[in-house]
Protein backbone atom coordinates (compact mmCIF):
# COMPACT_ATOMS: atom_id res chain seq x y z
CA ALA A 1 -14.89 -2.29 -10.35
CA PRO A 2 -13.07 0.51 -11.37
CA GLU A 3 -16.91 1.99 -10.63
CA TYR A 4 -16.12 1.39 -7.01
CA ILE A 5 -12.57 1.38 -6.61
CA ARG A 6 -11.80 5.05 -8.46
CA TYR A 7 -13.42 6.67 -5.03
CA ASP A 8 -10.13 5.00 -3.32
CA GLU A 9 -7.98 7.95 -2.45
CA HIS A 10 -4.95 5.61 -2.07
CA LEU A 11 -5.37 4.31 -5.44
CA LEU A 12 -5.77 8.05 -6.34
CA ARG A 13 -2.77 9.31 -5.01
CA ALA A 14 -0.95 6.36 -6.42
CA VAL A 15 -1.87 7.04 -10.02
CA ARG A 16 -0.91 10.31 -9.32
CA TRP A 17 2.17 9.77 -8.29
CA LEU A 18 3.09 7.49 -11.03
CA ILE A 19 2.57 10.11 -13.86
CA GLU A 20 4.48 12.52 -11.55
CA ALA A 21 7.46 10.55 -11.13
CA GLY A 22 6.90 9.96 -15.47
CA ARG A 23 6.21 6.65 -15.39
CA PRO A 24 3.87 4.70 -17.92
CA ILE A 25 0.96 3.95 -16.72
CA GLY A 26 -2.28 2.32 -18.58
CA SER A 27 -5.87 1.43 -18.76
CA VAL A 28 -8.16 -1.19 -20.60
CA CYS A 29 -12.00 -0.85 -20.84
CA HIS A 30 -13.63 1.00 -18.12
CA GLY A 31 -10.43 1.57 -16.07
CA ILE A 32 -10.51 5.56 -17.61
CA GLU A 33 -12.76 5.72 -14.37
CA VAL A 34 -9.77 5.78 -12.20
CA LEU A 35 -7.53 7.67 -14.06
CA ALA A 36 -10.71 10.25 -14.97
CA MET A 37 -10.71 10.57 -11.24
CA ALA A 38 -7.50 10.96 -10.62
CA GLY A 39 -7.56 13.34 -12.58
CA VAL A 40 -4.78 12.82 -14.89
CA ILE A 41 -6.44 12.62 -18.06
CA LYS A 42 -6.96 16.15 -19.06
CA GLY A 43 -5.90 17.53 -22.23
CA LYS A 44 -4.78 13.60 -23.20
CA ARG A 45 -6.00 11.55 -26.30
CA ILE A 46 -7.76 8.20 -25.09
CA THR A 47 -9.69 5.54 -26.21
CA THR A 48 -12.13 3.61 -23.86
CA VAL A 49 -15.68 1.56 -24.20
CA PRO A 50 -18.33 3.63 -25.31
CA LYS A 51 -19.94 3.83 -22.06
CA CYS A 52 -17.06 5.80 -20.53
CA GLN A 53 -16.87 8.27 -23.27
CA PHE A 54 -18.39 10.89 -21.43
CA ASP A 55 -16.12 9.86 -17.87
CA ALA A 56 -13.35 11.02 -20.22
CA GLU A 57 -14.41 14.06 -22.38
CA VAL A 58 -16.20 15.05 -18.77
CA CYS A 59 -12.59 15.05 -17.13
CA GLY A 60 -11.15 16.93 -20.31
CA ALA A 61 -9.34 14.12 -22.57
CA THR A 62 -10.21 13.90 -26.32
CA TYR A 63 -12.00 10.03 -26.86
CA VAL A 64 -10.76 8.14 -30.02
CA GLU A 65 -12.72 5.64 -31.42
CA ALA A 66 -9.56 3.34 -31.50
CA PRO A 67 -8.70 -0.18 -30.11
CA VAL A 68 -5.68 1.62 -28.81
CA VAL A 69 -4.48 4.92 -28.13
CA VAL A 70 -1.24 6.25 -26.93
CA ASP A 71 -0.77 9.50 -25.41
CA GLY A 72 2.47 10.46 -23.83
CA LEU A 73 2.97 7.95 -20.66
CA ILE A 74 -0.30 7.14 -20.89
CA VAL A 75 -1.90 3.90 -23.04
CA THR A 76 -5.64 2.93 -23.07
CA ALA A 77 -7.21 0.27 -24.51
CA CYS A 78 -11.01 -0.09 -25.59
CA GLY A 79 -11.60 -3.28 -24.21
CA ALA A 80 -10.62 -6.73 -23.16
CA LEU A 81 -10.01 -7.67 -26.79
CA ASP A 82 -7.37 -5.20 -27.35
CA GLY A 83 -5.28 -6.47 -24.16
CA TRP A 84 -2.82 -7.51 -26.57
CA ARG A 85 -2.48 -4.57 -28.36
CA TRP A 86 -2.42 -2.62 -25.46
CA MET A 87 0.63 -4.68 -23.78
CA ARG A 88 2.53 -4.42 -27.30
CA GLU A 89 2.02 -0.44 -26.79
CA TYR A 90 2.41 -0.26 -22.82
CA LEU A 91 6.39 -2.50 -23.63
CA LYS A 92 7.31 0.03 -25.77
CA ILE A 93 7.04 2.36 -24.13
CA LEU A 94 8.53 0.74 -20.95
CA ASP A 95 11.39 -0.37 -23.09
CA ALA A 96 11.87 3.59 -23.51
CA VAL A 97 12.03 4.91 -19.91
């Protein structure tokens, strides 16, 4: 679904607002397509499924081959099997904010 919902301007506006407001945001698997389209990953280290590496890099992010990557308030995970690792890191950020 991220392949399609990444064109929803309401969603993109919400993602940008979260980043601008200093709120944590996360992405698992293909979800990076939404963050890329919102323009919030430039200069960030991220991970995603290998298929989406191009999307991330063309939007200015650095792709890291790892289960989970934390860069500032953005937490990304490679795939669904990494969800528990992603949630562990996301909760740490929520506790700190």
